[in-house]
Amino acid sequence: MRGAPRLAVLIPCRNEAAAIGGVVAGFRTALPEAAIHVYDNNSTDETRAVAAAAGATLGSERLPGKGNVVRRMFADIEADLYLLVDGDGTYDPATAPAMVRMLLEQRLDMVTGIRVASAEAAYRPGHRLGNRVLTGMVRLVFGKRVSDVLSGYRCFSRRFVKSFPALATGFETETEFTVHALELRLPVGELPTAYRERGVGSISKLHTWRDGLRILRTIVRLIQRERPLLFFGTLGLAFLLLSAGFFLPVFGTYLETGLVPRLPTFLASVAFLLLSFLSGACGLILDTVTQGRREAKRIAYLAIPAPGAETIAAPAYSDSSKPAARMAG
């Protein structure tokens, strides 16, 4: 029999002095037994002082970018459950107990807070469209178990956090969370949560076009890395079509005259055909390598006990309006 699991609230932030105090206070109220960690990423305002005054445990990461901060937090902080949230005050702390309870009761490894905007300004049309496009790409390639790839509000099991590679440097880290879970077929869940407008004095660090392109590039790289047969097979098919496009006119002329007057065009056709075969071979080889990497990641993940592996009582993290979950080991 164990007591309530150790829960850590992880808040990466940079220049959020206007919001961080309220964020810490909100999660202190929602999850009174949780340890709240604020990791500062080179802030030039009073973020650290405000977070400390609010009662948070402080940490820092000098490398710029949210992905670097998340990597440091995952490495430094020891807990059984982790709740990751942005420090800008846009996510609702009241949803946190339900996310924790859902993860424990269903023995999940990740629960994502699906953003439901309470005001148009909270979730700008450009960001909404970009999220739909990027989420659609991930759903098409990796599976349809996710609705909001870019949400920054997530609850994780220990075995997810301690087996997650954390290679991203910026806002693309949320995409990595999702693809990692889908590729290993981890149990995941989603809950809707209110998404609010930033408070006065809080400025978004997300640059719509620059970070959107970085996330798109990350998705393409993840497809190449996790689905090489699909990536290089598609590339090989494109080369094959180009080869056919160059070859057919030359072949038509040959049938009519018995000559090959456009030798450079014919050579281009042969070159694209060779590239097509080479791409296909690369896809087959890398698919075998990827399968081995996936098995190694799965073994590392399974080496850590699952949430709810022993009988756990978690009344401290249950909504007051609902009875506490009973867990069977």
C-alpha atoms as a PDB file:
ATOM      1  CA  MET A   1       0.000   0.000   0.000  1.00  0.00           C
ATOM      2  CA  ARG A   2       1.311   3.411  -0.921  1.00  0.00           C
ATOM      3  CA  GLY A   3       0.163   6.875  -0.025  1.00  0.00           C
ATOM      4  CA  ALA A   4      -0.823   9.543  -2.484  1.00  0.00           C
ATOM      5  CA  PRO A   5       1.598   9.760  -5.422  1.00  0.00           C
ATOM      6  CA  ARG A   6       4.110  12.583  -5.537  1.00  0.00           C
ATOM      7  CA  LEU A   7       2.881  15.189  -7.995  1.00  0.00           C
ATOM      8  CA  ALA A   8       5.083  17.876  -9.515  1.00  0.00           C
ATOM      9  CA  VAL A   9       3.707  20.889 -11.383  1.00  0.00           C
ATOM     10  CA  LEU A  10       6.261  22.034 -13.973  1.00  0.00           C
ATOM     11  CA  ILE A  11       6.060  25.624 -15.184  1.00  0.00           C
ATOM     12  CA  PRO A  12       8.649  26.726 -17.774  1.00  0.00           C
ATOM     13  CA  CYS A  13       8.598  30.473 -18.330  1.00  0.00           C
ATOM     14  CA  ARG A  14      10.448  33.510 -19.577  1.00  0.00           C
ATOM     15  CA  ASN A  15       9.543  37.109 -18.722  1.00  0.00           C
ATOM     16  CA  GLU A  16       6.206  36.229 -17.111  1.00  0.00           C
ATOM     17  CA  ALA A  17       6.388  38.433 -14.007  1.00  0.00           C
ATOM     18  CA  ALA A  18       2.884  39.729 -14.733  1.00  0.00           C
ATOM     19  CA  ALA A  19       1.324  36.249 -14.733  1.00  0.00           C
ATOM     20  CA  ILE A  20       3.492  33.762 -12.864  1.00  0.00           C
ATOM     21  CA  GLY A  21       2.290  34.696  -9.380  1.00  0.00           C
ATOM     22  CA  GLY A  22      -1.313  33.985 -10.309  1.00  0.00           C
ATOM     23  CA  VAL A  23      -0.356  30.729 -12.053  1.00  0.00           C
ATOM     24  CA  VAL A  24       1.486  29.429  -8.984  1.00  0.00           C
ATOM     25  CA  ALA A  25      -1.358  30.472  -6.687  1.00  0.00           C
ATOM     26  CA  GLY A  26      -3.954  28.845  -8.950  1.00  0.00           C
ATOM     27  CA  PHE A  27      -2.197  25.483  -9.006  1.00  0.00           C
ATOM     28  CA  ARG A  28      -1.436  25.688  -5.298  1.00  0.00           C
ATOM     29  CA  THR A  29      -5.194  25.915  -4.737  1.00  0.00           C
ATOM     30  CA  ALA A  30      -6.137  23.245  -7.292  1.00  0.00           C
ATOM     31  CA  LEU A  31      -3.433  20.775  -6.215  1.00  0.00           C
ATOM     32  CA  PRO A  32      -2.515  21.628  -2.610  1.00  0.00           C
ATOM     33  CA  GLU A  33      -0.263  18.575  -2.162  1.00  0.00           C
ATOM     34  CA  ALA A  34       1.772  19.177  -5.336  1.00  0.00           C
ATOM     35  CA  ALA A  35       5.320  20.503  -5.498  1.00  0.00           C
ATOM     36  CA  ILE A  36       5.329  23.493  -7.827  1.00  0.00           C
ATOM     37  CA  HIS A  37       8.509  24.096  -9.837  1.00  0.00           C
ATOM     38  CA  VAL A  38       9.109  27.225 -11.887  1.00  0.00           C
ATOM     39  CA  TYR A  39      12.092  27.063 -14.254  1.00  0.00           C
ATOM     40  CA  ASP A  40      13.220  30.398 -15.593  1.00  0.00           C
ATOM     41  CA  ASN A  41      14.629  30.722 -19.103  1.00  0.00           C
ATOM     42  CA  ASN A  42      16.807  33.851 -19.066  1.00  0.00           C
ATOM     43  CA  SER A  43      14.119  36.261 -17.872  1.00  0.00           C
ATOM     44  CA  THR A  44      15.025  39.952 -17.779  1.00  0.00           C
ATOM     45  CA  ASP A  45      12.094  40.970 -15.557  1.00  0.00           C
ATOM     46  CA  GLU A  46      11.077  39.975 -12.007  1.00  0.00           C
ATOM     47  CA  THR A  47       9.792  36.506 -12.911  1.00  0.00           C
ATOM     48  CA  ARG A  48      12.066  34.702 -10.446  1.00  0.00           C
ATOM     49  CA  ALA A  49      11.292  37.012  -7.559  1.00  0.00           C
ATOM     50  CA  VAL A  50       7.541  36.844  -8.123  1.00  0.00           C
ATOM     51  CA  ALA A  51       7.589  33.030  -8.430  1.00  0.00           C
ATOM     52  CA  ALA A  52       9.640  32.696  -5.250  1.00  0.00           C
ATOM     53  CA  ALA A  53       7.297  35.026  -3.368  1.00  0.00           C
ATOM     54  CA  ALA A  54       4.363  32.873  -4.506  1.00  0.00           C
ATOM     55  CA  GLY A  55       6.008  29.809  -2.947  1.00  0.00           C
ATOM     56  CA  ALA A  56       7.356  27.995  -6.021  1.00  0.00           C
ATOM     57  CA  THR A  57      10.596  26.034  -6.091  1.00  0.00           C
ATOM     58  CA  LEU A  58      12.918  27.804  -8.539  1.00  0.00           C
ATOM     59  CA  GLY A  59      15.148  26.360 -11.201  1.00  0.00           C
ATOM     60  CA  SER A  60      16.745  27.719 -14.357  1.00  0.00           C
ATOM     61  CA  GLU A  61      17.924  26.739 -17.816  1.00  0.00           C
ATOM     62  CA  ARG A  62      20.306  29.003 -19.717  1.00  0.00           C
ATOM     63  CA  LEU A  63      19.790  27.460 -23.162  1.00  0.00           C
ATOM     64  CA  PRO A  64      16.962  29.446 -24.800  1.00  0.00           C
ATOM     65  CA  GLY A  65      13.765  27.726 -25.884  1.00  0.00           C
ATOM     66  CA  LYS A  66      10.903  25.875 -24.222  1.00  0.00           C
ATOM     67  CA  GLY A  67      12.170  22.481 -25.357  1.00  0.00           C
ATOM     68  CA  ASN A  68      15.472  23.045 -23.560  1.00  0.00           C
ATOM     69  CA  VAL A  69      13.660  24.028 -20.361  1.00  0.00           C
ATOM     70  CA  VAL A  70      11.373  20.986 -20.513  1.00  0.00           C
ATOM     71  CA  ARG A  71      14.369  18.694 -21.036  1.00  0.00           C
ATOM     72  CA  ARG A  72      16.052  20.154 -17.944  1.00  0.00           C
ATOM     73  CA  MET A  73      12.907  19.866 -15.823  1.00  0.00           C
ATOM     74  CA  PHE A  74      12.308  16.257 -16.849  1.00  0.00           C
ATOM     75  CA  ALA A  75      15.893  15.418 -15.916  1.00  0.00           C
ATOM     76  CA  ASP A  76      16.033  17.307 -12.610  1.00  0.00           C
ATOM     77  CA  ILE A  77      12.676  16.723 -10.960  1.00  0.00           C
ATOM     78  CA  GLU A  78      11.688  13.445  -9.313  1.00  0.00           C
ATOM     79  CA  ALA A  79       7.982  12.630  -8.900  1.00  0.00           C
ATOM     80  CA  ASP A  80       5.383   9.972  -9.679  1.00  0.00           C
ATOM     81  CA  LEU A  81       3.157  12.268 -11.744  1.00  0.00           C
ATOM     82  CA  TYR A  82       3.979  15.436 -13.636  1.00  0.00           C
ATOM     83  CA  LEU A  83       1.711  18.278 -14.722  1.00  0.00           C
ATOM     84  CA  LEU A  84       3.246  20.574 -17.346  1.00  0.00           C
ATOM     85  CA  VAL A  85       1.702  24.003 -17.931  1.00  0.00           C
ATOM     86  CA  ASP A  86       2.783  27.320 -19.425  1.00  0.00           C
ATOM     87  CA  GLY A  87       3.466  30.215 -17.089  1.00  0.00           C
ATOM     88  CA  ASP A  88       1.363  32.777 -18.971  1.00  0.00           C
ATOM     89  CA  GLY A  89      -1.926  32.187 -17.145  1.00  0.00           C
ATOM     90  CA  THR A  90      -3.871  31.048 -20.215  1.00  0.00           C
ATOM     91  CA  TYR A  91      -4.643  27.541 -18.902  1.00  0.00           C
ATOM     92  CA  ASP A  92      -7.260  26.854 -16.239  1.00  0.00           C
ATOM     93  CA  PRO A  93      -5.859  25.305 -13.007  1.00  0.00           C
ATOM     94  CA  ALA A  94      -9.336  23.981 -12.145  1.00  0.00           C
ATOM     95  CA  THR A  95      -8.938  21.300 -14.844  1.00  0.00           C
ATOM     96  CA  ALA A  96      -5.775  19.905 -13.257  1.00  0.00           C
ATOM     97  CA  PRO A  97      -7.412  17.593 -10.651  1.00  0.00           C
ATOM     98  CA  ALA A  98      -9.542  15.961 -13.354  1.00  0.00           C
ATOM     99  CA  MET A  99      -6.461  15.440 -15.554  1.00  0.00           C
ATOM    100  CA  VAL A 100      -4.555  13.810 -12.698  1.00  0.00           C
ATOM    101  CA  ARG A 101      -7.523  11.667 -11.710  1.00  0.00           C
ATOM    102  CA  MET A 102      -8.053  10.537 -15.326  1.00  0.00           C
ATOM    103  CA  LEU A 103      -4.397   9.540 -15.663  1.00  0.00           C
ATOM    104  CA  LEU A 104      -4.513   7.546 -12.415  1.00  0.00           C
ATOM    105  CA  GLU A 105      -7.890   5.886 -12.852  1.00  0.00           C
ATOM    106  CA  GLN A 106      -7.258   4.803 -16.444  1.00  0.00           C
ATOM    107  CA  ARG A 107      -3.522   4.202 -15.956  1.00  0.00           C
ATOM    108  CA  LEU A 108      -2.595   6.504 -18.798  1.00  0.00           C
ATOM    109  CA  ASP A 109       0.795   7.924 -19.639  1.00  0.00           C
ATOM    110  CA  MET A 110      -0.336  11.299 -20.995  1.00  0.00           C
ATOM    111  CA  VAL A 111      -3.474  13.394 -20.634  1.00  0.00           C
ATOM    112  CA  THR A 112      -3.691  16.481 -22.841  1.00  0.00           C
ATOM    113  CA  GLY A 113      -5.762  19.552 -22.050  1.00  0.00           C
ATOM    114  CA  ILE A 114      -7.698  20.346 -25.231  1.00  0.00           C
ATOM    115  CA  ARG A 115      -8.026  24.113 -25.522  1.00  0.00           C
ATOM    116  CA  VAL A 116     -11.500  25.622 -25.634  1.00  0.00           C
ATOM    117  CA  ALA A 117     -11.135  29.378 -26.091  1.00  0.00           C
ATOM    118  CA  SER A 118     -13.282  31.561 -23.847  1.00  0.00           C
ATOM    119  CA  ALA A 119     -12.611  34.604 -26.050  1.00  0.00           C
ATOM    120  CA  GLU A 120     -11.590  35.155 -29.680  1.00  0.00           C
ATOM    121  CA  ALA A 121      -8.444  36.995 -28.603  1.00  0.00           C
ATOM    122  CA  ALA A 122      -7.323  34.041 -26.488  1.00  0.00           C
ATOM    123  CA  TYR A 123      -6.953  31.738 -29.483  1.00  0.00           C
ATOM    124  CA  ARG A 124      -6.265  33.869 -32.539  1.00  0.00           C
ATOM    125  CA  PRO A 125      -7.600  32.662 -35.922  1.00  0.00           C
ATOM    126  CA  GLY A 126      -4.075  32.298 -37.338  1.00  0.00           C
ATOM    127  CA  HIS A 127      -2.986  30.114 -34.420  1.00  0.00           C
ATOM    128  CA  ARG A 128      -6.215  28.125 -34.606  1.00  0.00           C
ATOM    129  CA  LEU A 129      -5.752  27.456 -38.348  1.00  0.00           C
ATOM    130  CA  GLY A 130      -2.093  26.538 -37.894  1.00  0.00           C
ATOM    131  CA  ASN A 131      -2.951  24.131 -35.099  1.00  0.00           C
ATOM    132  CA  ARG A 132      -5.600  22.466 -37.253  1.00  0.00           C
ATOM    133  CA  VAL A 133      -3.192  22.025 -40.155  1.00  0.00           C
ATOM    134  CA  LEU A 134      -0.342  20.686 -38.023  1.00  0.00           C
ATOM    135  CA  THR A 135      -2.636  18.469 -35.949  1.00  0.00           C
ATOM    136  CA  GLY A 136      -4.172  17.144 -39.178  1.00  0.00           C
ATOM    137  CA  MET A 137      -0.732  16.187 -40.488  1.00  0.00           C
ATOM    138  CA  VAL A 138       0.139  14.306 -37.299  1.00  0.00           C
ATOM    139  CA  ARG A 139      -3.256  12.554 -37.252  1.00  0.00           C
ATOM    140  CA  LEU A 140      -2.878  11.525 -40.895  1.00  0.00           C
ATOM    141  CA  VAL A 141       0.555   9.967 -40.437  1.00  0.00           C
ATOM    142  CA  PHE A 142       0.740   8.812 -36.820  1.00  0.00           C
ATOM    143  CA  GLY A 143      -2.866   8.135 -35.805  1.00  0.00           C
ATOM    144  CA  LYS A 144      -6.109   9.866 -34.902  1.00  0.00           C
ATOM    145  CA  ARG A 145      -5.950   9.639 -31.117  1.00  0.00           C
ATOM    146  CA  VAL A 146      -5.071  13.315 -30.647  1.00  0.00           C
ATOM    147  CA  SER A 147      -7.043  16.527 -31.129  1.00  0.00           C
ATOM    148  CA  ASP A 148      -4.620  19.296 -30.115  1.00  0.00           C
ATOM    149  CA  VAL A 149      -0.979  18.582 -30.897  1.00  0.00           C
ATOM    150  CA  LEU A 150       0.260  21.970 -29.712  1.00  0.00           C
ATOM    151  CA  SER A 151      -1.417  22.166 -26.302  1.00  0.00           C
ATOM    152  CA  GLY A 152       1.006  23.145 -23.543  1.00  0.00           C
ATOM    153  CA  TYR A 153      -1.161  21.682 -20.759  1.00  0.00           C
ATOM    154  CA  ARG A 154      -0.378  18.024 -20.115  1.00  0.00           C
ATOM    155  CA  CYS A 155      -0.230  15.464 -17.350  1.00  0.00           C
ATOM    156  CA  PHE A 156       2.393  12.692 -17.584  1.00  0.00           C
ATOM    157  CA  SER A 157       3.269   9.488 -15.810  1.00  0.00           C
ATOM    158  CA  ARG A 158       6.779   9.058 -14.478  1.00  0.00           C
ATOM    159  CA  ARG A 159       7.547   6.368 -17.020  1.00  0.00           C
ATOM    160  CA  PHE A 160       6.664   8.746 -19.874  1.00  0.00           C
ATOM    161  CA  VAL A 161       8.843  11.569 -18.513  1.00  0.00           C
ATOM    162  CA  LYS A 162      11.867   9.437 -17.704  1.00  0.00           C
ATOM    163  CA  SER A 163      11.841   7.596 -21.053  1.00  0.00           C
ATOM    164  CA  PHE A 164      11.086  10.626 -23.255  1.00  0.00           C
ATOM    165  CA  PRO A 165      14.103  11.571 -25.479  1.00  0.00           C
ATOM    166  CA  ALA A 166      13.348  15.348 -25.351  1.00  0.00           C
ATOM    167  CA  LEU A 167      15.286  16.413 -28.455  1.00  0.00           C
ATOM    168  CA  ALA A 168      13.372  19.595 -29.317  1.00  0.00           C
ATOM    169  CA  THR A 169      14.663  23.034 -28.404  1.00  0.00           C
ATOM    170  CA  GLY A 170      11.582  25.246 -28.790  1.00  0.00           C
ATOM    171  CA  PHE A 171       7.796  25.107 -28.998  1.00  0.00           C
ATOM    172  CA  GLU A 172       7.996  21.988 -31.160  1.00  0.00           C
ATOM    173  CA  THR A 173       8.440  19.982 -27.945  1.00  0.00           C
ATOM    174  CA  GLU A 174       4.640  19.512 -27.745  1.00  0.00           C
ATOM    175  CA  THR A 175       4.711  17.801 -31.140  1.00  0.00           C
ATOM    176  CA  GLU A 176       7.438  15.495 -29.850  1.00  0.00           C
ATOM    177  CA  PHE A 177       5.278  14.543 -26.850  1.00  0.00           C
ATOM    178  CA  THR A 178       2.444  13.514 -29.130  1.00  0.00           C
ATOM    179  CA  VAL A 179       4.469  11.589 -31.702  1.00  0.00           C
ATOM    180  CA  HIS A 180       6.436   9.787 -28.987  1.00  0.00           C
ATOM    181  CA  ALA A 181       3.193   8.599 -27.371  1.00  0.00           C
ATOM    182  CA  LEU A 182       1.587   7.583 -30.671  1.00  0.00           C
ATOM    183  CA  GLU A 183       4.620   5.751 -32.015  1.00  0.00           C
ATOM    184  CA  LEU A 184       5.032   3.660 -28.844  1.00  0.00           C
ATOM    185  CA  ARG A 185       1.233   3.145 -28.701  1.00  0.00           C
ATOM    186  CA  LEU A 186       1.109   4.508 -25.174  1.00  0.00           C
ATOM    187  CA  PRO A 187      -2.265   4.912 -23.452  1.00  0.00           C
ATOM    188  CA  VAL A 188      -3.284   8.567 -23.723  1.00  0.00           C
ATOM    189  CA  GLY A 189      -6.341  10.661 -22.958  1.00  0.00           C
ATOM    190  CA  GLU A 190      -7.756  14.150 -23.497  1.00  0.00           C
ATOM    191  CA  LEU A 191      -9.871  16.582 -21.488  1.00  0.00           C
ATOM    192  CA  PRO A 192     -11.297  19.936 -22.616  1.00  0.00           C
ATOM    193  CA  THR A 193     -10.016  22.942 -20.695  1.00  0.00           C
ATOM    194  CA  ALA A 194     -10.751  26.637 -20.822  1.00  0.00           C
ATOM    195  CA  TYR A 195      -8.136  28.657 -22.705  1.00  0.00           C
ATOM    196  CA  ARG A 196      -8.011  32.264 -21.604  1.00  0.00           C
ATOM    197  CA  GLU A 197      -6.572  35.462 -22.958  1.00  0.00           C
ATOM    198  CA  ARG A 198      -3.237  36.593 -21.584  1.00  0.00           C
ATOM    199  CA  GLY A 199      -3.326  39.094 -18.772  1.00  0.00           C
ATOM    200  CA  VAL A 200      -2.102  42.667 -19.011  1.00  0.00           C
ATOM    201  CA  GLY A 201       1.691  42.798 -19.226  1.00  0.00           C
ATOM    202  CA  SER A 202       2.109  39.210 -20.444  1.00  0.00           C
ATOM    203  CA  ILE A 203       3.521  38.976 -23.978  1.00  0.00           C
ATOM    204  CA  SER A 204       3.436  35.824 -26.088  1.00  0.00           C
ATOM    205  CA  LYS A 205       6.811  34.286 -26.969  1.00  0.00           C
ATOM    206  CA  LEU A 206       5.249  32.365 -29.873  1.00  0.00           C
ATOM    207  CA  HIS A 207       5.999  33.836 -33.307  1.00  0.00           C
ATOM    208  CA  THR A 208       3.222  32.598 -35.575  1.00  0.00           C
ATOM    209  CA  TRP A 209       5.142  32.118 -38.827  1.00  0.00           C
ATOM    210  CA  ARG A 210       8.623  31.403 -37.512  1.00  0.00           C
ATOM    211  CA  ASP A 211       7.567  28.891 -34.874  1.00  0.00           C
ATOM    212  CA  GLY A 212       4.867  27.459 -37.144  1.00  0.00           C
ATOM    213  CA  LEU A 213       7.507  26.685 -39.770  1.00  0.00           C
ATOM    214  CA  ARG A 214       9.780  25.195 -37.107  1.00  0.00           C
ATOM    215  CA  ILE A 215       6.960  22.927 -35.940  1.00  0.00           C
ATOM    216  CA  LEU A 216       6.205  21.939 -39.548  1.00  0.00           C
ATOM    217  CA  ARG A 217       9.884  21.139 -40.076  1.00  0.00           C
ATOM    218  CA  THR A 218       9.834  19.065 -36.886  1.00  0.00           C
ATOM    219  CA  ILE A 219       6.818  17.081 -38.109  1.00  0.00           C
ATOM    220  CA  VAL A 220       8.581  16.364 -41.419  1.00  0.00           C
ATOM    221  CA  ARG A 221      11.713  15.268 -39.554  1.00  0.00           C
ATOM    222  CA  LEU A 222       9.668  13.046 -37.253  1.00  0.00           C
ATOM    223  CA  ILE A 223       8.038  11.425 -40.289  1.00  0.00           C
ATOM    224  CA  GLN A 224      11.488  10.844 -41.767  1.00  0.00           C
ATOM    225  CA  ARG A 225      12.812   9.462 -38.471  1.00  0.00           C
ATOM    226  CA  GLU A 226       9.804   7.432 -37.316  1.00  0.00           C
ATOM    227  CA  ARG A 227       8.246   6.457 -40.656  1.00  0.00           C
ATOM    228  CA  PRO A 228      11.225   6.216 -43.048  1.00  0.00           C
ATOM    229  CA  LEU A 229       9.540   3.740 -45.378  1.00  0.00           C
ATOM    230  CA  LEU A 230       6.642   6.149 -45.897  1.00  0.00           C
ATOM    231  CA  PHE A 231       8.952   9.165 -46.261  1.00  0.00           C
ATOM    232  CA  PHE A 232      11.495   7.650 -48.651  1.00  0.00           C
ATOM    233  CA  GLY A 233       8.850   5.557 -50.413  1.00  0.00           C
ATOM    234  CA  THR A 234       6.920   8.727 -51.242  1.00  0.00           C
ATOM    235  CA  LEU A 235      10.138  10.388 -52.374  1.00  0.00           C
ATOM    236  CA  GLY A 236      10.967   7.351 -54.494  1.00  0.00           C
ATOM    237  CA  LEU A 237       7.517   7.427 -56.092  1.00  0.00           C
ATOM    238  CA  ALA A 238       8.010  11.103 -56.960  1.00  0.00           C
ATOM    239  CA  PHE A 239      11.351  10.291 -58.611  1.00  0.00           C
ATOM    240  CA  LEU A 240       9.722   7.404 -60.506  1.00  0.00           C
ATOM    241  CA  LEU A 241       7.021   9.706 -61.872  1.00  0.00           C
ATOM    242  CA  LEU A 242       9.657  12.242 -62.943  1.00  0.00           C
ATOM    243  CA  SER A 243      11.594   9.457 -64.632  1.00  0.00           C
ATOM    244  CA  ALA A 244       8.468   8.373 -66.509  1.00  0.00           C
ATOM    245  CA  GLY A 245       7.747  11.984 -67.483  1.00  0.00           C
ATOM    246  CA  PHE A 246      11.175  12.331 -69.079  1.00  0.00           C
ATOM    247  CA  PHE A 247      11.193   8.844 -70.609  1.00  0.00           C
ATOM    248  CA  LEU A 248       7.796   8.650 -72.316  1.00  0.00           C
ATOM    249  CA  PRO A 249       8.409  11.411 -74.931  1.00  0.00           C
ATOM    250  CA  VAL A 250      11.808   9.903 -75.750  1.00  0.00           C
ATOM    251  CA  PHE A 251      10.293   6.453 -76.040  1.00  0.00           C
ATOM    252  CA  GLY A 252       7.504   7.800 -78.279  1.00  0.00           C
ATOM    253  CA  THR A 253      10.080   9.338 -80.612  1.00  0.00           C
ATOM    254  CA  TYR A 254      12.033   6.071 -80.640  1.00  0.00           C
ATOM    255  CA  LEU A 255       8.931   4.093 -81.663  1.00  0.00           C
ATOM    256  CA  GLU A 256       8.279   6.515 -84.524  1.00  0.00           C
ATOM    257  CA  THR A 257      11.817   6.969 -85.858  1.00  0.00           C
ATOM    258  CA  GLY A 258      13.979   4.299 -84.256  1.00  0.00           C
ATOM    259  CA  LEU A 259      16.244   7.091 -82.964  1.00  0.00           C
ATOM    260  CA  VAL A 260      16.949   8.677 -79.599  1.00  0.00           C
ATOM    261  CA  PRO A 261      17.710  12.299 -80.553  1.00  0.00           C
ATOM    262  CA  ARG A 262      17.195  13.723 -77.041  1.00  0.00           C
ATOM    263  CA  LEU A 263      19.967  11.884 -75.241  1.00  0.00           C
ATOM    264  CA  PRO A 264      20.162  14.337 -72.252  1.00  0.00           C
ATOM    265  CA  THR A 265      16.441  13.823 -71.604  1.00  0.00           C
ATOM    266  CA  PHE A 266      16.924  10.066 -71.699  1.00  0.00           C
ATOM    267  CA  LEU A 267      19.867  10.301 -69.274  1.00  0.00           C
ATOM    268  CA  ALA A 268      17.761  12.452 -66.926  1.00  0.00           C
ATOM    269  CA  SER A 269      15.103   9.751 -66.999  1.00  0.00           C
ATOM    270  CA  VAL A 270      17.660   7.097 -66.068  1.00  0.00           C
ATOM    271  CA  ALA A 271      19.042   9.288 -63.269  1.00  0.00           C
ATOM    272  CA  PHE A 272      15.614   9.786 -61.712  1.00  0.00           C
ATOM    273  CA  LEU A 273      14.919   6.058 -62.015  1.00  0.00           C
ATOM    274  CA  LEU A 274      18.127   5.281 -60.115  1.00  0.00           C
ATOM    275  CA  LEU A 275      17.201   7.847 -57.454  1.00  0.00           C
ATOM    276  CA  SER A 276      13.810   6.176 -57.140  1.00  0.00           C
ATOM    277  CA  PHE A 277      15.386   2.768 -56.480  1.00  0.00           C
ATOM    278  CA  LEU A 278      17.909   4.338 -54.081  1.00  0.00           C
ATOM    279  CA  SER A 279      15.163   6.075 -52.095  1.00  0.00           C
ATOM    280  CA  GLY A 280      13.191   2.860 -51.836  1.00  0.00           C
ATOM    281  CA  ALA A 281      16.250   0.963 -50.613  1.00  0.00           C
ATOM    282  CA  CYS A 282      17.013   3.672 -48.021  1.00  0.00           C
ATOM    283  CA  GLY A 283      13.434   3.468 -46.784  1.00  0.00           C
ATOM    284  CA  LEU A 284      13.600  -0.310 -46.349  1.00  0.00           C
ATOM    285  CA  ILE A 285      16.943  -0.190 -44.518  1.00  0.00           C
ATOM    286  CA  LEU A 286      16.013   2.711 -42.248  1.00  0.00           C
ATOM    287  CA  ASP A 287      12.655   1.116 -41.447  1.00  0.00           C
ATOM    288  CA  THR A 288      14.533  -1.832 -39.948  1.00  0.00           C
ATOM    289  CA  VAL A 289      16.756   0.537 -37.946  1.00  0.00           C
ATOM    290  CA  THR A 290      13.712   2.477 -36.737  1.00  0.00           C
ATOM    291  CA  GLN A 291      12.034  -0.707 -35.570  1.00  0.00           C
ATOM    292  CA  GLY A 292      15.111  -1.493 -33.461  1.00  0.00           C
ATOM    293  CA  ARG A 293      15.099   2.030 -31.978  1.00  0.00           C
ATOM    294  CA  ARG A 294      11.387   1.740 -31.207  1.00  0.00           C
ATOM    295  CA  GLU A 295      11.952  -1.568 -29.415  1.00  0.00           C
ATOM    296  CA  ALA A 296      14.772  -0.011 -27.335  1.00  0.00           C
ATOM    297  CA  LYS A 297      12.560   2.928 -26.353  1.00  0.00           C
ATOM    298  CA  ARG A 298       9.753   0.543 -25.443  1.00  0.00           C
ATOM    299  CA  ILE A 299      12.080  -1.477 -23.204  1.00  0.00           C
ATOM    300  CA  ALA A 300      13.274   1.709 -21.457  1.00  0.00           C
ATOM    301  CA  TYR A 301       9.655   2.754 -20.966  1.00  0.00           C
ATOM    302  CA  LEU A 302       8.629  -0.626 -19.533  1.00  0.00           C
ATOM    303  CA  ALA A 303      11.521  -0.557 -17.042  1.00  0.00           C
ATOM    304  CA  ILE A 304       9.628   2.111 -15.051  1.00  0.00           C
ATOM    305  CA  PRO A 305       6.498   1.128 -13.068  1.00  0.00           C
ATOM    306  CA  ALA A 306       3.144   2.203 -14.478  1.00  0.00           C
ATOM    307  CA  PRO A 307       0.905   4.707 -12.688  1.00  0.00           C
ATOM    308  CA  GLY A 308      -1.366   2.706 -10.414  1.00  0.00           C
ATOM    309  CA  ALA A 309       0.944  -0.317 -10.435  1.00  0.00           C
ATOM    310  CA  GLU A 310       0.261  -0.539  -6.695  1.00  0.00           C
ATOM    311  CA  THR A 311      -2.914   0.373  -4.879  1.00  0.00           C
ATOM    312  CA  ILE A 312      -3.033   4.162  -4.759  1.00  0.00           C
ATOM    313  CA  ALA A 313      -5.441   6.408  -2.954  1.00  0.00           C
ATOM    314  CA  ALA A 314      -5.644   9.826  -4.564  1.00  0.00           C
ATOM    315  CA  PRO A 315      -8.341  11.887  -2.807  1.00  0.00           C
ATOM    316  CA  ALA A 316      -6.088  14.930  -2.709  1.00  0.00           C
ATOM    317  CA  TYR A 317      -6.291  15.216  -6.507  1.00  0.00           C
ATOM    318  CA  SER A 318     -10.019  14.606  -6.961  1.00  0.00           C
ATOM    319  CA  ASP A 319     -12.607  17.237  -7.795  1.00  0.00           C
ATOM    320  CA  SER A 320     -14.659  18.202  -4.767  1.00  0.00           C
ATOM    321  CA  SER A 321     -17.815  17.597  -6.821  1.00  0.00           C
ATOM    322  CA  LYS A 322     -16.928  13.969  -7.557  1.00  0.00           C
ATOM    323  CA  PRO A 323     -16.045  10.989  -5.357  1.00  0.00           C
ATOM    324  CA  ALA A 324     -12.397  10.018  -5.082  1.00  0.00           C
ATOM    325  CA  ALA A 325     -11.215   7.318  -7.500  1.00  0.00           C
ATOM    326  CA  ARG A 326     -10.480   3.869  -6.111  1.00  0.00           C
ATOM    327  CA  MET A 327      -7.458   2.218  -7.645  1.00  0.00           C
ATOM    328  CA  ALA A 328      -6.766  -1.506  -7.777  1.00  0.00           C
ATOM    329  CA  GLY A 329      -3.182  -2.589  -8.205  1.00  0.00           C
END
